[in-house]
N, C-alpha and C. Protein backbone atom coordinates (compact mmCIF):
# COMPACT_ATOMS: atom_id res chain seq x y z
N UNK A 1 0.78 -1.17 0.08
CA UNK A 1 -0.04 -0.17 0.04
C UNK A 1 0.82 1.20 -0.05
N UNK A 2 2.02 1.18 0.51
CA UNK A 2 2.82 2.34 0.66
C UNK A 2 3.25 2.96 -0.85
N UNK A 3 3.42 1.97 -1.67
CA UNK A 3 3.88 2.29 -3.05
C UNK A 3 2.63 3.14 -3.78
N UNK A 4 1.49 3.08 -3.35
CA UNK A 4 0.48 4.05 -4.01
C UNK A 4 0.59 5.37 -3.48
N UNK A 5 1.33 5.57 -2.32
CA UNK A 5 1.47 7.03 -1.81
C UNK A 5 2.76 7.47 -2.01
N UNK A 6 3.72 6.94 -2.90
CA UNK A 6 4.95 7.34 -3.18
C UNK A 6 4.89 8.75 -3.80
N UNK A 7 3.91 9.20 -4.36
CA UNK A 7 3.72 10.48 -5.10
C UNK A 7 3.70 11.66 -4.16
N UNK A 8 3.46 11.38 -2.82
CA UNK A 8 3.46 12.35 -1.78
C UNK A 8 4.82 12.53 -1.09
N UNK A 9 5.84 11.84 -1.57
CA UNK A 9 7.20 11.87 -1.02
C UNK A 9 7.73 13.45 -1.06
N UNK A 10 8.25 13.86 -0.04
CA UNK A 10 8.88 15.29 0.02
C UNK A 10 9.99 15.38 -1.11
N UNK A 11 10.75 14.19 -1.29
CA UNK A 11 11.93 14.23 -2.22
C UNK A 11 11.39 14.60 -3.64
N UNK A 12 10.21 14.61 -3.99
CA UNK A 12 9.71 14.85 -5.41
C UNK A 12 9.23 16.40 -5.39
N UNK A 13 9.46 17.02 -4.25
CA UNK A 13 8.77 18.53 -4.24
C UNK A 13 9.52 19.33 -5.20
N UNK A 14 10.92 19.26 -5.51
CA UNK A 14 11.43 20.16 -6.48
C UNK A 14 10.93 19.86 -7.86
N UNK A 15 10.69 18.63 -8.22
CA UNK A 15 10.17 18.18 -9.41
C UNK A 15 8.72 18.79 -9.67
N UNK A 16 7.81 18.74 -8.60
CA UNK A 16 6.43 19.17 -8.57
C UNK A 16 6.54 20.70 -8.85
N UNK A 17 7.44 21.30 -8.09
CA UNK A 17 7.47 22.92 -8.40
C UNK A 17 7.78 23.19 -9.89
N UNK A 18 8.67 22.46 -10.40
CA UNK A 18 9.08 22.62 -11.86
C UNK A 18 8.01 22.26 -12.74
N UNK A 19 7.39 21.26 -12.40
CA UNK A 19 6.17 20.85 -13.39
C UNK A 19 5.15 21.98 -13.37
N UNK A 20 4.86 22.39 -12.12
CA UNK A 20 3.73 23.34 -12.07
C UNK A 20 4.20 24.69 -12.64
N UNK A 21 5.39 25.13 -12.60
CA UNK A 21 5.93 26.31 -13.37
C UNK A 21 5.84 25.99 -14.94
N UNK A 22 6.22 24.84 -15.28
CA UNK A 22 6.25 24.41 -16.68
C UNK A 22 4.63 24.55 -17.21
N UNK A 23 3.76 24.12 -16.50
CA UNK A 23 2.37 24.11 -16.88
C UNK A 23 1.85 25.53 -16.97
N UNK A 24 2.23 26.48 -16.09
CA UNK A 24 1.88 27.87 -16.25
C UNK A 24 2.60 28.44 -17.44
N UNK A 25 3.89 28.12 -17.71
CA UNK A 25 4.54 28.62 -18.89
C UNK A 25 3.96 28.19 -20.18
N UNK A 26 3.61 26.92 -20.11
CA UNK A 26 2.89 26.39 -21.41
C UNK A 26 1.57 27.02 -21.66
N UNK A 27 0.76 27.50 -20.72
CA UNK A 27 -0.47 28.16 -20.92
C UNK A 27 -0.07 29.63 -21.26
N UNK A 28 0.90 30.19 -20.73
CA UNK A 28 1.19 31.59 -21.15
C UNK A 28 1.56 31.51 -22.67
N UNK A 29 2.32 30.58 -23.08
CA UNK A 29 2.84 30.47 -24.55
C UNK A 29 1.51 30.23 -25.38
N UNK A 30 0.63 29.31 -24.91
CA UNK A 30 -0.57 29.25 -25.78
C UNK A 30 -1.38 30.49 -25.84
N UNK A 31 -1.51 31.32 -24.81
CA UNK A 31 -2.30 32.52 -24.89
C UNK A 31 -1.47 33.54 -25.86
N UNK A 32 -0.31 33.62 -25.71
CA UNK A 32 0.67 34.43 -26.71
C UNK A 32 0.42 34.01 -28.08
N UNK A 33 0.26 32.69 -28.38
CA UNK A 33 0.22 32.25 -29.79
C UNK A 33 -1.11 32.65 -30.25
N UNK A 34 -2.26 32.61 -29.40
CA UNK A 34 -3.52 32.94 -29.89
C UNK A 34 -3.59 34.45 -30.10
N UNK A 35 -2.93 35.32 -29.28
CA UNK A 35 -2.90 36.79 -29.50
C UNK A 35 -2.16 36.97 -30.76
N UNK A 36 -0.96 36.17 -31.11
CA UNK A 36 -0.28 36.46 -32.32
C UNK A 36 -1.22 36.16 -33.49
N UNK A 37 -1.87 35.07 -33.43
CA UNK A 37 -2.83 34.78 -34.51
C UNK A 37 -3.93 35.79 -34.74
N UNK A 38 -4.28 36.49 -33.56
CA UNK A 38 -5.34 37.61 -33.59
C UNK A 38 -4.77 38.95 -34.01
N UNK A 39 -3.46 38.99 -34.24
CA UNK A 39 -2.83 40.27 -34.56
C UNK A 39 -3.42 40.97 -35.84
N UNK A 40 -3.85 40.13 -36.72
CA UNK A 40 -4.51 40.88 -37.96
C UNK A 40 -5.72 41.49 -37.65
N UNK A 41 -6.60 40.90 -36.70
CA UNK A 41 -7.79 41.57 -36.32
C UNK A 41 -7.53 42.68 -35.49
N UNK A 42 -6.53 42.77 -34.67
CA UNK A 42 -6.06 43.94 -33.93
C UNK A 42 -5.64 45.04 -34.79
N UNK A 43 -4.77 44.86 -35.84
CA UNK A 43 -4.33 45.68 -36.80
C UNK A 43 -5.55 46.38 -37.55
N UNK A 44 -6.51 45.55 -37.98
CA UNK A 44 -7.67 46.07 -38.65
C UNK A 44 -8.60 46.94 -37.82
N UNK A 45 -8.74 46.78 -36.51
CA UNK A 45 -9.40 47.65 -35.62
C UNK A 45 -8.64 48.87 -35.44
N UNK A 46 -7.32 48.89 -35.28
CA UNK A 46 -6.49 50.04 -35.17
C UNK A 46 -6.76 50.91 -36.37
N UNK A 47 -6.60 50.23 -37.52
CA UNK A 47 -6.74 51.03 -38.83
C UNK A 47 -8.19 51.66 -38.89
N UNK A 48 -9.24 50.93 -38.39
CA UNK A 48 -10.60 51.42 -38.52
C UNK A 48 -10.82 52.52 -37.59
N UNK A 49 -10.11 52.44 -36.48
CA UNK A 49 -10.27 53.47 -35.42
C UNK A 49 -9.51 54.75 -35.88
N UNK A 50 -8.37 54.61 -36.52
CA UNK A 50 -7.55 55.82 -37.05
C UNK A 50 -8.35 56.50 -38.13
N UNK A 51 -8.99 55.58 -39.03
CA UNK A 51 -9.68 56.26 -40.10
C UNK A 51 -10.95 57.01 -39.81
N UNK A 52 -11.56 56.56 -38.56
CA UNK A 52 -12.80 57.10 -38.04
C UNK A 52 -12.41 58.58 -37.61
N UNK A 53 -11.31 58.76 -37.02
CA UNK A 53 -10.99 60.00 -36.36
C UNK A 53 -10.22 60.96 -37.28
N UNK A 54 -9.65 60.31 -38.49
CA UNK A 54 -8.76 61.07 -39.34
C UNK A 54 -7.60 61.49 -38.67
N UNK A 55 -7.01 60.73 -37.79
CA UNK A 55 -5.80 61.06 -37.22
C UNK A 55 -4.65 60.31 -37.83
N UNK A 56 -3.48 60.99 -37.82
CA UNK A 56 -2.25 60.28 -38.29
C UNK A 56 -1.35 60.18 -37.10
N UNK A 57 -0.54 59.05 -36.97
CA UNK A 57 0.38 58.94 -35.94
C UNK A 57 1.42 59.98 -36.05
N UNK A 58 1.93 60.24 -34.75
CA UNK A 58 3.09 61.32 -34.71
C UNK A 58 4.16 60.86 -35.61
N UNK A 59 4.86 61.89 -36.04
CA UNK A 59 6.00 61.60 -36.90
C UNK A 59 7.09 60.86 -36.16
N UNK A 60 7.67 59.83 -36.87
CA UNK A 60 8.73 58.94 -36.24
C UNK A 60 7.99 57.74 -35.34
N UNK A 61 6.73 57.77 -35.27
CA UNK A 61 6.17 56.65 -34.55
C UNK A 61 5.87 55.45 -35.35
N UNK A 62 5.91 54.29 -34.77
CA UNK A 62 5.54 53.11 -35.58
C UNK A 62 4.75 52.11 -34.60
N UNK A 63 4.13 51.17 -35.10
CA UNK A 63 3.48 50.27 -34.31
C UNK A 63 4.40 49.20 -33.71
N UNK A 64 4.47 49.22 -32.37
CA UNK A 64 5.32 48.25 -31.76
C UNK A 64 4.48 47.15 -31.28
N UNK A 65 3.27 47.08 -31.36
CA UNK A 65 2.59 45.94 -30.67
C UNK A 65 2.93 44.60 -31.25
N UNK A 66 3.20 44.39 -32.50
CA UNK A 66 3.49 43.22 -33.22
C UNK A 66 4.81 42.86 -32.71
N UNK A 67 5.81 43.73 -32.83
CA UNK A 67 7.15 43.47 -32.29
C UNK A 67 7.27 42.89 -30.81
N UNK A 68 6.49 43.68 -29.96
CA UNK A 68 6.47 43.36 -28.49
C UNK A 68 5.84 42.05 -28.29
N UNK A 69 4.73 41.74 -28.97
CA UNK A 69 4.17 40.34 -28.98
C UNK A 69 5.01 39.34 -29.37
N UNK A 70 5.82 39.52 -30.41
CA UNK A 70 6.70 38.46 -31.00
C UNK A 70 7.84 38.21 -29.83
N UNK A 71 8.26 39.34 -29.35
CA UNK A 71 9.48 39.18 -28.33
C UNK A 71 8.90 38.45 -27.16
N UNK A 72 7.56 38.72 -26.61
CA UNK A 72 7.14 38.07 -25.47
C UNK A 72 7.01 36.62 -25.81
N UNK A 73 6.71 36.26 -26.96
CA UNK A 73 6.40 34.90 -27.45
C UNK A 73 7.74 34.14 -27.40
N UNK A 74 8.73 34.80 -27.99
CA UNK A 74 10.07 34.07 -27.88
C UNK A 74 10.59 34.00 -26.53
N UNK A 75 10.36 34.93 -25.66
CA UNK A 75 10.71 34.76 -24.19
C UNK A 75 10.09 33.71 -23.44
N UNK A 76 8.85 33.59 -23.86
CA UNK A 76 7.98 32.55 -23.22
C UNK A 76 8.49 31.06 -23.68
N UNK A 77 8.70 30.99 -24.89
CA UNK A 77 9.33 29.77 -25.49
C UNK A 77 10.66 29.36 -24.85
N UNK A 78 11.46 30.40 -24.64
CA UNK A 78 12.88 30.09 -24.11
C UNK A 78 12.50 29.57 -22.62
N UNK A 79 11.56 30.33 -21.94
CA UNK A 79 11.45 29.91 -20.41
C UNK A 79 10.88 28.48 -20.52
N UNK A 80 9.94 28.08 -21.30
CA UNK A 80 9.50 26.77 -21.50
C UNK A 80 10.48 25.80 -21.81
N UNK A 81 11.39 26.12 -22.51
CA UNK A 81 12.61 25.23 -22.99
C UNK A 81 13.54 25.02 -21.84
N UNK A 82 13.67 26.13 -21.01
CA UNK A 82 14.50 26.00 -19.95
C UNK A 82 13.90 25.02 -18.70
N UNK A 83 12.65 25.25 -18.53
CA UNK A 83 11.97 24.38 -17.59
C UNK A 83 11.87 23.03 -18.02
N UNK A 84 11.79 22.76 -19.24
CA UNK A 84 11.71 21.33 -19.85
C UNK A 84 13.11 20.69 -19.54
N UNK A 85 14.14 21.33 -19.79
CA UNK A 85 15.49 20.86 -19.51
C UNK A 85 15.69 20.56 -17.95
N UNK A 86 15.24 21.59 -17.05
CA UNK A 86 15.26 21.38 -15.64
C UNK A 86 14.40 20.11 -15.21
N UNK A 87 13.22 19.93 -15.82
CA UNK A 87 12.40 18.72 -15.47
C UNK A 87 13.15 17.46 -15.88
N UNK A 88 13.66 17.50 -17.00
CA UNK A 88 14.39 16.30 -17.54
C UNK A 88 15.55 15.93 -16.61
N UNK A 89 16.21 16.96 -16.11
CA UNK A 89 17.34 16.68 -15.14
C UNK A 89 16.82 16.11 -13.89
N UNK A 90 15.66 16.40 -13.49
CA UNK A 90 15.12 15.90 -12.16
C UNK A 90 14.43 14.64 -12.19
N UNK A 91 14.01 14.20 -13.41
CA UNK A 91 13.31 12.96 -13.53
C UNK A 91 14.35 11.72 -13.35
N UNK A 92 13.99 10.76 -12.46
CA UNK A 92 14.85 9.80 -12.16
C UNK A 92 15.15 8.75 -13.22
N UNK A 93 14.01 8.64 -14.09
CA UNK A 93 14.00 7.42 -15.20
C UNK A 93 13.54 8.23 -16.51
N UNK A 94 13.77 7.38 -17.62
CA UNK A 94 13.26 7.76 -18.90
C UNK A 94 12.30 6.56 -19.34
N UNK A 95 11.40 6.95 -20.11
CA UNK A 95 10.35 6.07 -20.76
C UNK A 95 9.50 5.30 -19.49
N UNK A 96 9.39 5.94 -18.52
CA UNK A 96 8.50 5.66 -17.46
C UNK A 96 7.87 6.86 -16.81
N UNK A 97 6.65 6.56 -16.37
CA UNK A 97 5.75 7.63 -15.55
C UNK A 97 6.44 7.71 -14.13
N UNK A 98 6.45 8.97 -13.70
CA UNK A 98 6.80 9.26 -12.25
C UNK A 98 5.62 9.84 -11.68
N UNK A 99 5.01 9.30 -10.69
CA UNK A 99 3.85 9.93 -10.04
C UNK A 99 4.24 11.16 -9.09
N UNK A 100 3.55 12.28 -9.37
CA UNK A 100 3.76 13.48 -8.58
C UNK A 100 2.40 14.07 -8.08
N UNK A 101 2.32 14.90 -7.05
CA UNK A 101 1.17 15.47 -6.47
C UNK A 101 1.09 16.91 -7.10
N UNK A 102 0.13 17.06 -7.96
CA UNK A 102 -0.01 18.53 -8.48
C UNK A 102 -1.32 18.93 -7.98
N UNK A 103 -1.81 18.34 -6.80
CA UNK A 103 -3.01 18.90 -6.10
C UNK A 103 -4.30 18.25 -6.66
N UNK A 104 -4.22 17.37 -7.58
CA UNK A 104 -5.46 16.84 -8.02
C UNK A 104 -5.32 15.21 -7.72
N UNK A 105 -4.73 14.77 -6.95
CA UNK A 105 -4.29 13.29 -6.65
C UNK A 105 -3.07 12.94 -7.57
N UNK A 106 -2.79 11.72 -7.63
CA UNK A 106 -1.60 11.39 -8.34
C UNK A 106 -1.55 11.81 -9.80
N UNK A 107 -0.65 12.77 -10.27
CA UNK A 107 -0.42 13.04 -11.63
C UNK A 107 0.77 12.29 -12.04
N UNK A 108 0.99 12.36 -13.27
CA UNK A 108 2.10 11.58 -13.91
C UNK A 108 3.04 12.62 -14.72
N UNK A 109 4.28 12.42 -14.69
CA UNK A 109 5.19 13.12 -15.58
C UNK A 109 6.18 12.19 -16.07
N UNK A 110 6.73 12.27 -17.27
CA UNK A 110 7.90 11.43 -17.67
C UNK A 110 8.45 11.93 -18.98
N UNK A 111 9.60 11.38 -19.33
CA UNK A 111 10.34 11.74 -20.46
C UNK A 111 10.13 10.50 -21.35
N UNK A 112 9.79 10.74 -22.61
CA UNK A 112 9.72 9.66 -23.45
C UNK A 112 10.47 9.83 -24.78
N UNK A 113 11.18 8.75 -25.16
CA UNK A 113 12.02 8.88 -26.46
C UNK A 113 11.16 8.85 -27.58
N UNK A 114 11.54 9.72 -28.62
CA UNK A 114 10.84 9.88 -29.73
C UNK A 114 11.85 9.73 -30.83
N UNK A 115 11.42 9.38 -32.15
CA UNK A 115 12.40 9.18 -33.25
C UNK A 115 12.94 10.50 -33.54
N UNK A 116 14.21 10.65 -33.69
CA UNK A 116 14.89 11.91 -33.99
C UNK A 116 14.65 12.17 -35.49
N UNK A 117 14.30 13.20 -35.94
CA UNK A 117 14.09 13.67 -37.29
C UNK A 117 15.33 13.81 -38.10
N UNK A 118 16.44 14.28 -37.31
CA UNK A 118 17.74 14.38 -38.01
C UNK A 118 18.36 13.10 -38.09
N UNK A 119 19.49 12.91 -38.80
CA UNK A 119 20.19 11.60 -38.73
C UNK A 119 21.17 11.44 -37.78
N UNK A 120 21.11 12.18 -36.72
CA UNK A 120 22.14 12.14 -35.62
C UNK A 120 21.77 10.95 -34.74
N UNK A 121 22.67 10.52 -34.00
CA UNK A 121 22.53 9.38 -33.21
C UNK A 121 21.99 9.75 -31.88
N UNK A 122 21.99 10.97 -31.57
CA UNK A 122 21.52 11.56 -30.28
C UNK A 122 19.92 11.12 -30.10
N UNK A 123 19.72 10.65 -29.03
CA UNK A 123 18.36 10.28 -28.62
C UNK A 123 17.48 11.60 -28.13
N UNK A 124 16.30 11.71 -28.62
CA UNK A 124 15.55 12.90 -28.21
C UNK A 124 14.36 12.49 -27.35
N UNK A 125 14.11 13.17 -26.23
CA UNK A 125 13.05 12.90 -25.36
C UNK A 125 12.04 13.93 -25.45
N UNK A 126 10.88 13.54 -25.25
CA UNK A 126 9.68 14.53 -25.13
C UNK A 126 9.04 14.48 -23.79
N UNK A 127 8.82 15.55 -23.20
CA UNK A 127 8.32 15.64 -21.96
C UNK A 127 6.75 15.52 -21.98
N UNK A 128 6.08 14.69 -21.13
CA UNK A 128 4.77 14.51 -21.10
C UNK A 128 4.29 14.59 -19.68
N UNK A 129 3.11 15.44 -19.57
CA UNK A 129 2.46 15.52 -18.25
C UNK A 129 0.92 15.19 -18.29
N UNK A 130 0.56 14.34 -17.38
CA UNK A 130 -0.85 13.89 -17.42
C UNK A 130 -1.36 14.31 -15.97
N UNK A 131 -2.38 14.88 -15.97
CA UNK A 131 -3.01 15.48 -14.69
C UNK A 131 -4.35 14.60 -14.56
């Protein structure tokens, strides 16, 4: 019966914290991706608003919204990649589930080997989280 409660072990707390941060970062990246896809609608709304009031932007100004959005998305992707590497380092095994406590009962996290698209011999692992 003790093996069913292994996911509550305090030794897994650093892994749990990284997985929780990973899930938050993944959600942020998803939201930024949706915002990036909706950029065309935002630009159309700005153009309609500007035409409605017949105003021109000040000399030397340019729309920074798209650039800022792209930079935030790149930063979020870099954060997600860093958290993935941290989690991979904390996982005790590969190609097996590790039970962790994400607050919903036992959840699972694991690194699974996937075929490498390049012809290199290096093995590539994919992080999977099941809540």
